[in-house]
C-alpha atoms as a PDB file:
ATOM      1  CA  MET A   1      35.437 -20.514 -49.756  1.00  0.00           C
ATOM      2  CA  ASN A   2      33.942 -23.032 -47.325  1.00  0.00           C
ATOM      3  CA  ASP A   3      31.279 -25.618 -48.222  1.00  0.00           C
ATOM      4  CA  LYS A   4      28.426 -23.553 -46.752  1.00  0.00           C
ATOM      5  CA  ALA A   5      29.396 -20.486 -48.780  1.00  0.00           C
ATOM      6  CA  GLN A   6      29.746 -22.596 -51.938  1.00  0.00           C
ATOM      7  CA  GLU A   7      26.260 -24.056 -51.438  1.00  0.00           C
ATOM      8  CA  ILE A   8      24.781 -20.572 -50.929  1.00  0.00           C
ATOM      9  CA  MET A   9      26.471 -19.317 -54.106  1.00  0.00           C
ATOM     10  CA  LYS A  10      25.178 -22.327 -56.052  1.00  0.00           C
ATOM     11  CA  ARG A  11      21.608 -21.703 -54.864  1.00  0.00           C
ATOM     12  CA  LEU A  12      21.771 -17.968 -55.613  1.00  0.00           C
ATOM     13  CA  GLN A  13      23.144 -18.573 -59.114  1.00  0.00           C
ATOM     14  CA  HIS A  14      20.529 -21.161 -60.063  1.00  0.00           C
ATOM     15  CA  PRO A  15      18.695 -19.926 -63.191  1.00  0.00           C
ATOM     16  CA  PHE A  16      15.281 -18.378 -62.636  1.00  0.00           C
ATOM     17  CA  PRO A  17      12.299 -20.028 -64.325  1.00  0.00           C
ATOM     18  CA  TYR A  18      11.081 -18.353 -67.509  1.00  0.00           C
ATOM     19  CA  SER A  19       7.872 -17.384 -65.695  1.00  0.00           C
ATOM     20  CA  ASP A  20       9.927 -15.003 -63.511  1.00  0.00           C
ATOM     21  CA  ILE A  21      11.268 -13.098 -66.523  1.00  0.00           C
ATOM     22  CA  GLU A  22       9.413  -9.976 -67.616  1.00  0.00           C
ATOM     23  CA  TRP A  23      10.056  -7.678 -70.543  1.00  0.00           C
ATOM     24  CA  ARG A  24       9.837  -3.972 -71.261  1.00  0.00           C
ATOM     25  CA  VAL A  25      10.738  -1.752 -74.164  1.00  0.00           C
ATOM     26  CA  GLY A  26      13.969   0.168 -73.748  1.00  0.00           C
ATOM     27  CA  SER A  27      15.355   2.575 -76.342  1.00  0.00           C
ATOM     28  CA  THR A  28      13.214   3.097 -79.416  1.00  0.00           C
ATOM     29  CA  SER A  29      13.865   4.335 -82.940  1.00  0.00           C
ATOM     30  CA  LYS A  30      12.917   7.918 -83.743  1.00  0.00           C
ATOM     31  CA  ASP A  31       9.697   6.781 -85.403  1.00  0.00           C
ATOM     32  CA  LYS A  32       8.937   4.504 -82.397  1.00  0.00           C
ATOM     33  CA  LYS A  33       8.402   1.491 -84.700  1.00  0.00           C
ATOM     34  CA  LYS A  34      11.380  -0.414 -83.325  1.00  0.00           C
ATOM     35  CA  GLY A  35      12.544  -0.854 -79.762  1.00  0.00           C
ATOM     36  CA  LEU A  36      15.089  -2.662 -77.693  1.00  0.00           C
ATOM     37  CA  ALA A  37      13.540  -5.502 -75.659  1.00  0.00           C
ATOM     38  CA  LEU A  38      14.884  -5.588 -72.101  1.00  0.00           C
ATOM     39  CA  ALA A  39      14.476  -8.703 -69.985  1.00  0.00           C
ATOM     40  CA  TYR A  40      14.487  -8.493 -66.211  1.00  0.00           C
ATOM     41  CA  ILE A  41      13.744 -10.619 -63.170  1.00  0.00           C
ATOM     42  CA  THR A  42      10.855  -9.403 -61.048  1.00  0.00           C
ATOM     43  CA  ASN A  43      11.419  -8.037 -57.577  1.00  0.00           C
ATOM     44  CA  ARG A  44       9.065 -10.704 -56.222  1.00  0.00           C
ATOM     45  CA  ALA A  45      11.189 -13.476 -57.793  1.00  0.00           C
ATOM     46  CA  ILE A  46      14.319 -12.072 -56.156  1.00  0.00           C
ATOM     47  CA  GLN A  47      12.573 -11.824 -52.789  1.00  0.00           C
ATOM     48  CA  THR A  48      11.393 -15.425 -53.103  1.00  0.00           C
ATOM     49  CA  ARG A  49      14.940 -16.584 -53.958  1.00  0.00           C
ATOM     50  CA  LEU A  50      16.391 -14.780 -50.947  1.00  0.00           C
ATOM     51  CA  ASP A  51      13.667 -16.253 -48.694  1.00  0.00           C
ATOM     52  CA  GLU A  52      14.484 -19.744 -49.988  1.00  0.00           C
ATOM     53  CA  VAL A  53      18.240 -19.364 -49.472  1.00  0.00           C
ATOM     54  CA  PHE A  54      18.405 -17.292 -46.258  1.00  0.00           C
ATOM     55  CA  GLY A  55      14.904 -17.608 -44.778  1.00  0.00           C
ATOM     56  CA  PRO A  56      12.489 -14.685 -44.406  1.00  0.00           C
ATOM     57  CA  PHE A  57      14.480 -13.263 -41.477  1.00  0.00           C
ATOM     58  CA  GLY A  58      17.924 -13.794 -42.985  1.00  0.00           C
ATOM     59  CA  TRP A  59      17.957 -10.903 -45.437  1.00  0.00           C
ATOM     60  CA  ARG A  60      16.729  -7.312 -45.727  1.00  0.00           C
ATOM     61  CA  ASN A  61      16.886  -4.305 -47.988  1.00  0.00           C
ATOM     62  CA  GLU A  62      16.859  -0.598 -47.313  1.00  0.00           C
ATOM     63  CA  TYR A  63      16.851   2.613 -49.306  1.00  0.00           C
ATOM     64  CA  LYS A  64      18.645   5.900 -48.771  1.00  0.00           C
ATOM     65  CA  GLU A  65      18.438   9.185 -50.629  1.00  0.00           C
ATOM     66  CA  TRP A  66      21.820  10.066 -52.110  1.00  0.00           C
ATOM     67  CA  LYS A  67      23.056  13.296 -53.691  1.00  0.00           C
ATOM     68  CA  GLY A  68      19.608  14.871 -53.822  1.00  0.00           C
ATOM     69  CA  ASN A  69      18.092  13.187 -56.877  1.00  0.00           C
ATOM     70  CA  SER A  70      19.448   9.666 -56.541  1.00  0.00           C
ATOM     71  CA  GLN A  71      18.847   6.720 -54.306  1.00  0.00           C
ATOM     72  CA  LEU A  72      20.834   3.824 -52.954  1.00  0.00           C
ATOM     73  CA  CYS A  73      19.469   0.368 -52.272  1.00  0.00           C
ATOM     74  CA  GLY A  74      21.271  -1.939 -49.893  1.00  0.00           C
ATOM     75  CA  ILE A  75      20.628  -5.661 -49.775  1.00  0.00           C
ATOM     76  CA  SER A  76      21.882  -7.406 -46.654  1.00  0.00           C
ATOM     77  CA  ILE A  77      22.165 -11.082 -45.839  1.00  0.00           C
ATOM     78  CA  LYS A  78      22.875 -12.619 -42.481  1.00  0.00           C
ATOM     79  CA  TYR A  79      25.840 -14.962 -42.766  1.00  0.00           C
ATOM     80  CA  GLU A  80      27.220 -16.715 -39.707  1.00  0.00           C
ATOM     81  CA  GLY A  81      25.536 -14.157 -37.429  1.00  0.00           C
ATOM     82  CA  GLU A  82      26.868 -11.081 -39.235  1.00  0.00           C
ATOM     83  CA  TRP A  83      24.969  -8.745 -41.580  1.00  0.00           C
ATOM     84  CA  ILE A  84      26.750  -8.241 -44.909  1.00  0.00           C
ATOM     85  CA  THR A  85      25.443  -5.436 -47.134  1.00  0.00           C
ATOM     86  CA  LYS A  86      26.022  -4.571 -50.779  1.00  0.00           C
ATOM     87  CA  TRP A  87      24.889  -1.145 -52.044  1.00  0.00           C
ATOM     88  CA  ASP A  88      23.989   0.075 -55.509  1.00  0.00           C
ATOM     89  CA  GLY A  89      22.392   3.269 -56.694  1.00  0.00           C
ATOM     90  CA  ALA A  90      20.741   5.071 -59.540  1.00  0.00           C
ATOM     91  CA  SER A  91      19.356   8.454 -60.417  1.00  0.00           C
ATOM     92  CA  ASP A  92      15.615   8.953 -60.142  1.00  0.00           C
ATOM     93  CA  SER A  93      13.748   8.027 -63.300  1.00  0.00           C
ATOM     94  CA  ASN A  94      10.287   8.194 -64.765  1.00  0.00           C
ATOM     95  CA  GLN A  95      10.416   4.571 -65.942  1.00  0.00           C
ATOM     96  CA  GLU A  96       8.002   3.503 -63.225  1.00  0.00           C
ATOM     97  CA  ALA A  97       6.420   6.357 -61.317  1.00  0.00           C
ATOM     98  CA  VAL A  98       6.456   4.602 -57.944  1.00  0.00           C
ATOM     99  CA  LYS A  99       9.571   2.436 -58.223  1.00  0.00           C
ATOM    100  CA  GLY A 100      11.714   4.800 -60.282  1.00  0.00           C
ATOM    101  CA  ARG A 101      11.786   7.754 -57.948  1.00  0.00           C
ATOM    102  CA  ILE A 102      11.881   8.683 -54.316  1.00  0.00           C
ATOM    103  CA  ILE A 103       8.460   9.649 -53.012  1.00  0.00           C
ATOM    104  CA  ARG A 104       8.701  12.852 -51.014  1.00  0.00           C
END
């Protein structure tokens, strides 16, 4: 890995500040008195990190419907003039009405 790539990796892996961490309740006990606390980094924090590392025009994301009730999200970065994309997907959910499903 060249020096530029190593510097990018270092900047991407830098820990997020605690203020960028949010929490939600995951699985709960049958009586709903206990729940699993799930920590996550906000979408805005990730966007800010990508802007800082690649500039506002050096990255993008896109969504595609996949297998009817699922969606894929691709995040692309521009590295040495070439777009590199990584894709991940999930089934629709009711976790967050707007973010958790495809709006038709």
